[in-house]
N, C-alpha and C. Protein backbone atom coordinates (compact mmCIF):
# COMPACT_ATOMS: atom_id res chain seq x y z
N UNK A 1 105.59 68.03 124.51
CA UNK A 1 106.24 68.69 123.39
C UNK A 1 106.19 67.80 122.15
N UNK A 2 105.92 68.41 121.03
CA UNK A 2 105.90 67.68 119.78
C UNK A 2 107.31 67.34 119.29
N UNK A 3 108.24 68.21 119.60
CA UNK A 3 109.63 68.01 119.17
C UNK A 3 110.48 67.86 120.42
N UNK A 4 111.19 66.74 120.53
CA UNK A 4 112.07 66.56 121.70
C UNK A 4 113.13 67.66 121.74
N UNK A 5 113.51 68.05 122.95
CA UNK A 5 114.52 69.11 123.12
C UNK A 5 115.79 68.83 122.34
N UNK A 6 116.19 67.59 122.28
CA UNK A 6 117.44 67.22 121.61
C UNK A 6 117.37 67.43 120.09
N UNK A 7 116.17 67.60 119.55
CA UNK A 7 116.01 67.75 118.10
C UNK A 7 115.57 69.15 117.69
N UNK A 8 115.34 70.03 118.64
CA UNK A 8 114.81 71.36 118.32
C UNK A 8 115.77 72.21 117.48
N UNK A 9 117.05 72.17 117.79
CA UNK A 9 118.02 72.95 117.01
C UNK A 9 118.05 72.49 115.56
N UNK A 10 118.12 71.19 115.37
CA UNK A 10 118.16 70.63 114.02
C UNK A 10 116.88 70.96 113.27
N UNK A 11 115.74 70.83 113.94
CA UNK A 11 114.46 71.12 113.31
C UNK A 11 114.39 72.58 112.88
N UNK A 12 114.77 73.51 113.75
CA UNK A 12 114.75 74.94 113.43
C UNK A 12 115.67 75.23 112.24
N UNK A 13 116.86 74.65 112.28
CA UNK A 13 117.83 74.85 111.20
C UNK A 13 117.25 74.36 109.86
N UNK A 14 116.72 73.15 109.85
CA UNK A 14 116.17 72.58 108.61
C UNK A 14 114.98 73.39 108.11
N UNK A 15 114.14 73.85 109.01
CA UNK A 15 113.00 74.68 108.63
C UNK A 15 113.48 75.99 108.01
N UNK A 16 114.47 76.62 108.62
CA UNK A 16 115.02 77.86 108.07
C UNK A 16 115.64 77.66 106.70
N UNK A 17 116.37 76.57 106.52
CA UNK A 17 116.99 76.28 105.22
C UNK A 17 115.93 76.03 104.15
N UNK A 18 114.90 75.31 104.50
CA UNK A 18 113.82 75.05 103.53
C UNK A 18 113.11 76.33 103.14
N UNK A 19 112.83 77.15 104.12
CA UNK A 19 112.16 78.42 103.84
C UNK A 19 113.04 79.28 102.94
N UNK A 20 114.33 79.34 103.24
CA UNK A 20 115.27 80.12 102.43
C UNK A 20 115.28 79.64 100.97
N UNK A 21 115.27 78.34 100.77
CA UNK A 21 115.32 77.78 99.41
C UNK A 21 113.99 77.96 98.67
N UNK A 22 112.91 78.15 99.40
CA UNK A 22 111.59 78.30 98.77
C UNK A 22 111.25 79.74 98.40
N UNK A 23 112.00 80.69 98.95
CA UNK A 23 111.72 82.09 98.65
C UNK A 23 111.93 82.33 97.16
N UNK A 24 110.94 82.97 96.54
CA UNK A 24 110.94 83.09 95.09
C UNK A 24 111.51 84.40 94.56
N UNK A 25 111.37 85.48 95.31
CA UNK A 25 111.83 86.77 94.79
C UNK A 25 112.30 87.68 95.93
N UNK A 26 112.80 88.83 95.55
CA UNK A 26 113.36 89.78 96.53
C UNK A 26 112.31 90.29 97.52
N UNK A 27 111.10 90.53 97.03
CA UNK A 27 110.05 91.03 97.93
C UNK A 27 109.72 89.99 99.00
N UNK A 28 109.65 88.75 98.59
CA UNK A 28 109.39 87.67 99.55
C UNK A 28 110.55 87.53 100.53
N UNK A 29 111.78 87.66 100.02
CA UNK A 29 112.95 87.57 100.90
C UNK A 29 112.92 88.67 101.94
N UNK A 30 112.57 89.87 101.54
CA UNK A 30 112.49 90.98 102.50
C UNK A 30 111.47 90.70 103.59
N UNK A 31 110.41 90.00 103.25
CA UNK A 31 109.37 89.67 104.23
C UNK A 31 109.82 88.61 105.22
N UNK A 32 110.64 87.67 104.75
CA UNK A 32 110.99 86.52 105.58
C UNK A 32 112.42 86.50 106.09
N UNK A 33 113.21 87.49 105.76
CA UNK A 33 114.65 87.45 106.05
C UNK A 33 114.95 87.25 107.54
N UNK A 34 114.23 87.93 108.42
CA UNK A 34 114.49 87.79 109.85
C UNK A 34 114.12 86.40 110.35
N UNK A 35 113.01 85.88 109.88
CA UNK A 35 112.57 84.54 110.29
C UNK A 35 113.58 83.49 109.83
N UNK A 36 114.02 83.62 108.59
CA UNK A 36 114.97 82.65 108.03
C UNK A 36 116.27 82.64 108.83
N UNK A 37 116.83 83.81 109.07
CA UNK A 37 118.11 83.88 109.80
C UNK A 37 117.95 83.41 111.24
N UNK A 38 116.85 83.77 111.88
CA UNK A 38 116.64 83.31 113.27
C UNK A 38 116.56 81.79 113.34
N UNK A 39 115.83 81.18 112.41
CA UNK A 39 115.71 79.72 112.42
C UNK A 39 117.05 79.05 112.14
N UNK A 40 117.76 79.52 111.13
CA UNK A 40 119.05 78.92 110.79
C UNK A 40 120.05 79.11 111.93
N UNK A 41 120.08 80.30 112.51
CA UNK A 41 121.05 80.55 113.58
C UNK A 41 120.69 79.79 114.85
N UNK A 42 119.42 79.48 115.04
CA UNK A 42 119.02 78.68 116.21
C UNK A 42 119.70 77.32 116.19
N UNK A 43 119.85 76.77 115.00
CA UNK A 43 120.57 75.50 114.85
C UNK A 43 122.07 75.68 114.96
N UNK A 44 122.54 76.86 114.66
CA UNK A 44 123.95 77.16 114.78
C UNK A 44 124.74 76.82 113.54
N UNK A 45 125.93 77.40 113.49
CA UNK A 45 126.78 77.21 112.31
C UNK A 45 127.31 75.79 112.19
N UNK A 46 127.27 75.03 113.27
CA UNK A 46 127.79 73.66 113.22
C UNK A 46 126.97 72.76 112.29
N UNK A 47 125.73 73.15 112.00
CA UNK A 47 124.89 72.35 111.11
C UNK A 47 125.08 72.71 109.64
N UNK A 48 125.74 73.81 109.36
CA UNK A 48 126.01 74.20 107.97
C UNK A 48 127.23 73.43 107.47
N UNK A 49 127.00 72.50 106.58
CA UNK A 49 128.12 71.70 106.08
C UNK A 49 128.48 72.02 104.63
N UNK A 50 127.69 72.81 103.97
CA UNK A 50 127.94 73.20 102.59
C UNK A 50 128.58 74.59 102.59
N UNK A 51 129.80 74.69 102.09
CA UNK A 51 130.53 75.97 102.11
C UNK A 51 129.83 77.04 101.28
N UNK A 52 129.23 76.65 100.16
CA UNK A 52 128.51 77.63 99.34
C UNK A 52 127.33 78.19 100.12
N UNK A 53 126.62 77.32 100.84
CA UNK A 53 125.52 77.78 101.68
C UNK A 53 126.03 78.72 102.77
N UNK A 54 127.18 78.41 103.33
CA UNK A 54 127.74 79.25 104.40
C UNK A 54 127.97 80.68 103.92
N UNK A 55 128.53 80.83 102.74
CA UNK A 55 128.79 82.16 102.20
C UNK A 55 127.48 82.87 101.89
N UNK A 56 126.53 82.15 101.33
CA UNK A 56 125.23 82.75 101.01
C UNK A 56 124.50 83.16 102.29
N UNK A 57 124.58 82.33 103.33
CA UNK A 57 123.95 82.66 104.61
C UNK A 57 124.63 83.87 105.24
N UNK A 58 125.96 83.93 105.15
CA UNK A 58 126.68 85.10 105.68
C UNK A 58 126.23 86.38 104.97
N UNK A 59 126.06 86.32 103.67
CA UNK A 59 125.57 87.47 102.91
C UNK A 59 124.14 87.82 103.30
N UNK A 60 123.34 86.81 103.54
CA UNK A 60 121.97 87.03 103.99
C UNK A 60 121.96 87.68 105.38
N UNK A 61 122.89 87.27 106.23
CA UNK A 61 123.02 87.89 107.55
C UNK A 61 123.35 89.37 107.42
N UNK A 62 124.20 89.71 106.48
CA UNK A 62 124.56 91.11 106.24
C UNK A 62 123.32 91.90 105.82
N UNK A 63 122.52 91.32 104.93
CA UNK A 63 121.27 91.98 104.51
C UNK A 63 120.32 92.16 105.69
N UNK A 64 120.18 91.11 106.48
CA UNK A 64 119.29 91.17 107.65
C UNK A 64 119.78 92.22 108.64
N UNK A 65 121.08 92.29 108.84
CA UNK A 65 121.66 93.26 109.78
C UNK A 65 121.40 94.68 109.31
N UNK A 66 121.56 94.91 108.03
CA UNK A 66 121.31 96.24 107.46
C UNK A 66 119.85 96.64 107.65
N UNK A 67 118.96 95.71 107.35
CA UNK A 67 117.54 95.97 107.52
C UNK A 67 117.20 96.19 109.00
N UNK A 68 117.77 95.39 109.88
CA UNK A 68 117.49 95.51 111.31
C UNK A 68 117.99 96.84 111.87
N UNK A 69 119.16 97.27 111.42
CA UNK A 69 119.71 98.53 111.95
C UNK A 69 118.85 99.72 111.53
N UNK A 70 118.22 99.63 110.38
CA UNK A 70 117.34 100.71 109.92
C UNK A 70 115.99 100.67 110.65
N UNK A 71 115.55 99.47 110.98
CA UNK A 71 114.20 99.31 111.54
C UNK A 71 114.17 99.36 113.07
N UNK A 72 115.09 98.65 113.71
CA UNK A 72 114.97 98.48 115.16
C UNK A 72 116.20 98.94 115.93
N UNK A 73 117.23 99.29 115.27
CA UNK A 73 118.45 99.68 115.97
C UNK A 73 119.52 98.62 115.82
N UNK A 74 120.58 98.80 116.57
CA UNK A 74 121.76 97.99 116.33
C UNK A 74 121.83 96.67 117.11
N UNK A 75 121.05 96.50 118.16
CA UNK A 75 121.15 95.29 118.97
C UNK A 75 120.93 94.02 118.15
N UNK A 76 119.82 93.96 117.43
CA UNK A 76 119.53 92.78 116.62
C UNK A 76 120.50 92.69 115.45
N UNK A 77 120.89 93.82 114.92
CA UNK A 77 121.83 93.86 113.81
C UNK A 77 123.14 93.16 114.19
N UNK A 78 123.62 93.42 115.38
CA UNK A 78 124.87 92.80 115.85
C UNK A 78 124.74 91.28 115.91
N UNK A 79 123.60 90.80 116.36
CA UNK A 79 123.36 89.35 116.43
C UNK A 79 123.49 88.72 115.05
N UNK A 80 122.88 89.34 114.04
CA UNK A 80 122.97 88.82 112.67
C UNK A 80 124.39 88.88 112.14
N UNK A 81 125.08 89.96 112.41
CA UNK A 81 126.46 90.11 111.94
C UNK A 81 127.39 89.08 112.58
N UNK A 82 127.25 88.88 113.87
CA UNK A 82 128.10 87.89 114.55
C UNK A 82 127.86 86.49 114.01
N UNK A 83 126.62 86.14 113.74
CA UNK A 83 126.34 84.83 113.16
C UNK A 83 126.93 84.73 111.76
N UNK A 84 126.78 85.78 110.97
CA UNK A 84 127.35 85.78 109.62
C UNK A 84 128.86 85.59 109.64
N UNK A 85 129.53 86.20 110.58
CA UNK A 85 130.98 86.04 110.72
C UNK A 85 131.33 84.61 111.11
N UNK A 86 130.57 84.04 112.03
CA UNK A 86 130.86 82.66 112.47
C UNK A 86 130.66 81.63 111.37
N UNK A 87 129.63 81.80 110.53
CA UNK A 87 129.36 80.78 109.52
C UNK A 87 130.44 80.73 108.44
N UNK A 88 131.23 81.78 108.31
CA UNK A 88 132.29 81.77 107.30
C UNK A 88 133.46 80.86 107.67
N UNK A 89 133.56 80.50 108.92
CA UNK A 89 134.57 79.53 109.32
C UNK A 89 135.94 80.13 109.60
N UNK A 90 136.89 79.23 109.84
CA UNK A 90 138.25 79.59 110.26
C UNK A 90 139.02 80.40 109.20
N UNK A 91 138.84 80.05 107.95
CA UNK A 91 139.61 80.68 106.86
C UNK A 91 138.85 81.83 106.21
N UNK A 92 137.99 82.49 106.97
CA UNK A 92 137.10 83.50 106.41
C UNK A 92 137.82 84.62 105.67
N UNK A 93 138.94 85.09 106.19
CA UNK A 93 139.63 86.20 105.55
C UNK A 93 140.31 85.77 104.26
N UNK A 94 140.79 84.57 104.20
CA UNK A 94 141.46 84.09 102.98
C UNK A 94 140.47 83.71 101.88
N UNK A 95 139.40 83.04 102.27
CA UNK A 95 138.49 82.48 101.28
C UNK A 95 137.32 83.40 100.93
N UNK A 96 136.93 84.28 101.83
CA UNK A 96 135.73 85.09 101.62
C UNK A 96 135.99 86.53 102.06
N UNK A 97 137.06 87.09 101.56
CA UNK A 97 137.53 88.40 102.01
C UNK A 97 136.45 89.48 101.92
N UNK A 98 135.82 89.62 100.76
CA UNK A 98 134.86 90.70 100.56
C UNK A 98 133.66 90.61 101.51
N UNK A 99 133.12 89.40 101.64
CA UNK A 99 131.99 89.20 102.53
C UNK A 99 132.40 89.44 103.98
N UNK A 100 133.56 88.93 104.33
CA UNK A 100 134.07 89.09 105.69
C UNK A 100 134.30 90.57 106.01
N UNK A 101 134.90 91.29 105.10
CA UNK A 101 135.16 92.71 105.30
C UNK A 101 133.85 93.48 105.48
N UNK A 102 132.86 93.17 104.66
CA UNK A 102 131.57 93.85 104.78
C UNK A 102 130.91 93.56 106.12
N UNK A 103 130.98 92.33 106.57
CA UNK A 103 130.41 91.96 107.88
C UNK A 103 131.12 92.69 109.02
N UNK A 104 132.44 92.67 109.00
CA UNK A 104 133.20 93.32 110.07
C UNK A 104 133.01 94.85 110.05
N UNK A 105 132.98 95.45 108.87
CA UNK A 105 132.74 96.90 108.79
C UNK A 105 131.36 97.26 109.35
N UNK A 106 130.38 96.46 109.01
CA UNK A 106 129.03 96.71 109.55
C UNK A 106 129.00 96.51 111.05
N UNK A 107 129.73 95.51 111.54
CA UNK A 107 129.77 95.26 112.98
C UNK A 107 130.43 96.43 113.72
N UNK A 108 131.48 96.97 113.14
CA UNK A 108 132.15 98.14 113.75
C UNK A 108 131.18 99.31 113.84
N UNK A 109 130.41 99.55 112.79
CA UNK A 109 129.43 100.63 112.81
C UNK A 109 128.34 100.37 113.86
N UNK A 110 127.95 99.11 113.99
CA UNK A 110 126.87 98.76 114.93
C UNK A 110 127.30 98.87 116.38
N UNK A 111 128.57 98.57 116.65
CA UNK A 111 129.06 98.66 118.02
C UNK A 111 129.29 100.11 118.38
């Protein structure tokens, strides 16, 4: 293996974050949204240390979930929504009410 097992989560997370930051426009984001979220979520929310990034990633998860539910059904959509909810952290309802509400409402529809 080129990447040791102990470093795969971090590598996937960093790759996803770099790809997300390099996306130039909405059309490009639509093309890469699933790849970006899968890579970032592979590393898990524990690697997200920037709160602004956490909120932006949660919003991106909502976009990915919406796109997934239209394209493939609700199974993948739920995965994106659950990750988006987790990245908002413990104080999600107090600090990020609108994003949290949108994620939970979409999750209710998906279930």
